[in-house]
Protein backbone atom coordinates (compact mmCIF):
# COMPACT_ATOMS: atom_id res chain seq x y z
CA MET A 1 -0.75 -29.79 39.54
CA ALA A 2 1.73 -32.12 37.82
CA LEU A 3 -1.18 -33.99 36.22
CA VAL A 4 -2.58 -30.77 34.72
CA THR A 5 0.87 -29.78 33.44
CA GLY A 6 1.32 -33.22 31.87
CA VAL A 7 -2.05 -32.97 30.10
CA VAL A 8 -1.23 -29.50 28.80
CA LEU A 9 2.18 -30.65 27.54
CA ARG A 10 0.66 -33.67 25.79
CA THR A 11 -1.95 -31.45 24.17
CA ILE A 12 0.71 -29.04 22.92
CA LYS A 13 2.83 -31.93 21.60
CA ALA A 14 -0.18 -33.36 19.78
CA MET A 15 -0.92 -29.99 18.20
CA LEU A 16 2.70 -29.56 17.12
CA ALA A 17 2.77 -33.07 15.67
CA GLU A 18 -0.09 -32.13 13.32
CA ILE A 19 1.88 -29.22 11.87
CA THR A 20 3.67 -30.45 8.78
CA VAL A 21 6.47 -28.94 6.74
CA THR A 22 3.94 -28.30 3.98
CA SER A 23 1.82 -26.21 6.35
CA VAL A 24 4.82 -24.15 7.40
CA VAL A 25 5.86 -23.60 3.78
CA ILE A 26 2.34 -22.51 2.82
CA TRP A 27 2.20 -20.05 5.73
CA VAL A 28 5.62 -18.64 4.81
CA VAL A 29 4.57 -18.20 1.17
CA CYS A 30 1.34 -16.48 2.26
CA LEU A 31 3.31 -14.21 4.56
CA LEU A 32 5.72 -13.27 1.76
CA LEU A 33 2.81 -12.56 -0.60
CA ALA A 34 1.12 -10.35 1.99
CA VAL A 35 4.35 -8.44 2.59
CA GLY A 36 4.81 -8.01 -1.16
CA VAL A 37 1.30 -6.68 -1.68
CA GLY A 38 1.63 -4.30 1.25
CA TRP A 39 5.01 -3.07 0.02
CA SER A 40 3.74 -2.44 -3.52
CA ARG A 41 0.77 -0.45 -2.19
CA TYR A 42 3.10 1.58 0.00
CA GLU A 43 5.41 2.30 -2.95
CA LYS A 44 2.46 3.25 -5.16
CA ARG A 45 1.22 5.73 -2.56
CA ARG A 46 4.72 7.11 -2.03
CA THR A 47 5.24 7.57 -5.77
CA ARG A 48 1.88 9.29 -6.15
CA ASP A 49 2.64 11.66 -3.27
CA LYS A 50 6.02 12.49 -4.82
CA PHE A 51 4.37 13.18 -8.19
CA LEU A 52 1.76 15.41 -6.51
CA ARG A 53 4.54 17.41 -4.83
CA GLU A 54 6.22 17.84 -8.22
CA LEU A 55 2.91 19.00 -9.72
CA ILE A 56 2.50 21.55 -6.94
CA ALA A 57 5.95 22.96 -7.66
CA MET A 58 5.13 23.47 -11.36
CA ASP A 59 3.60 26.59 -12.77
CA PRO A 60 -0.11 26.14 -13.61
CA VAL A 61 0.33 26.05 -17.41
CA ARG A 62 3.02 23.38 -17.28
CA ARG A 63 0.99 21.43 -14.67
CA GLU A 64 -2.02 21.37 -16.98
CA LYS A 65 0.17 20.28 -19.90
CA VAL A 66 1.54 17.36 -17.86
CA LEU A 67 -1.93 16.37 -16.66
CA SER A 68 -3.34 16.49 -20.19
CA ARG A 69 -0.78 13.88 -21.30
CA LEU A 70 -1.99 11.34 -18.74
CA ARG A 71 -4.90 8.95 -19.09
CA PRO A 72 -8.16 10.82 -18.36
CA GLU A 73 -9.08 8.84 -15.23
CA ILE A 74 -5.60 9.27 -13.73
CA ALA A 75 -5.54 12.97 -14.59
CA MET A 76 -8.96 13.46 -12.99
CA ASP A 77 -7.86 11.63 -9.86
CA LEU A 78 -4.70 13.75 -9.61
CA ARG A 79 -6.69 16.97 -10.09
CA GLN A 80 -9.05 15.84 -7.35
CA GLN A 81 -6.09 15.10 -5.05
CA LEU A 82 -4.62 18.53 -5.76
CA MET A 83 -7.93 20.17 -4.86
CA GLU A 84 -8.59 18.10 -1.73
CA ARG A 85 -5.13 17.99 -0.24
CA PHE A 86 -3.56 21.24 -1.37
CA ARG A 87 -6.48 23.46 -2.45
CA ILE A 88 -4.83 23.96 -5.85
CA SER A 89 -6.78 24.13 -9.06
CA SER A 90 -5.05 22.62 -12.07
CA ILE A 91 -5.69 25.80 -14.08
CA GLN A 92 -5.24 29.06 -12.23
CA SER A 93 -5.31 32.58 -13.47
CA GLY A 94 -2.03 34.34 -14.16
CA ARG A 95 -1.61 35.46 -10.54
């Protein structure tokens, strides 16, 4: 049993000896980049959801005016989100 434990410990020590400071720094940088990308995607989604809630609260004429000022592909995507998530058309009758 002691022989097996000794072999395992030597194997672990050999593996740890191959890990350099450069490797650790690279892994830390990669981790920070991944966290940054994930955070920015989260913030983008959160901002878009907040903007959609503001659009829902607007009256239809003002909503259409705001959407018409955006880039066409963004406006189309927001209209699609309004329809899919909230069943709201960007232009509604005067009801």
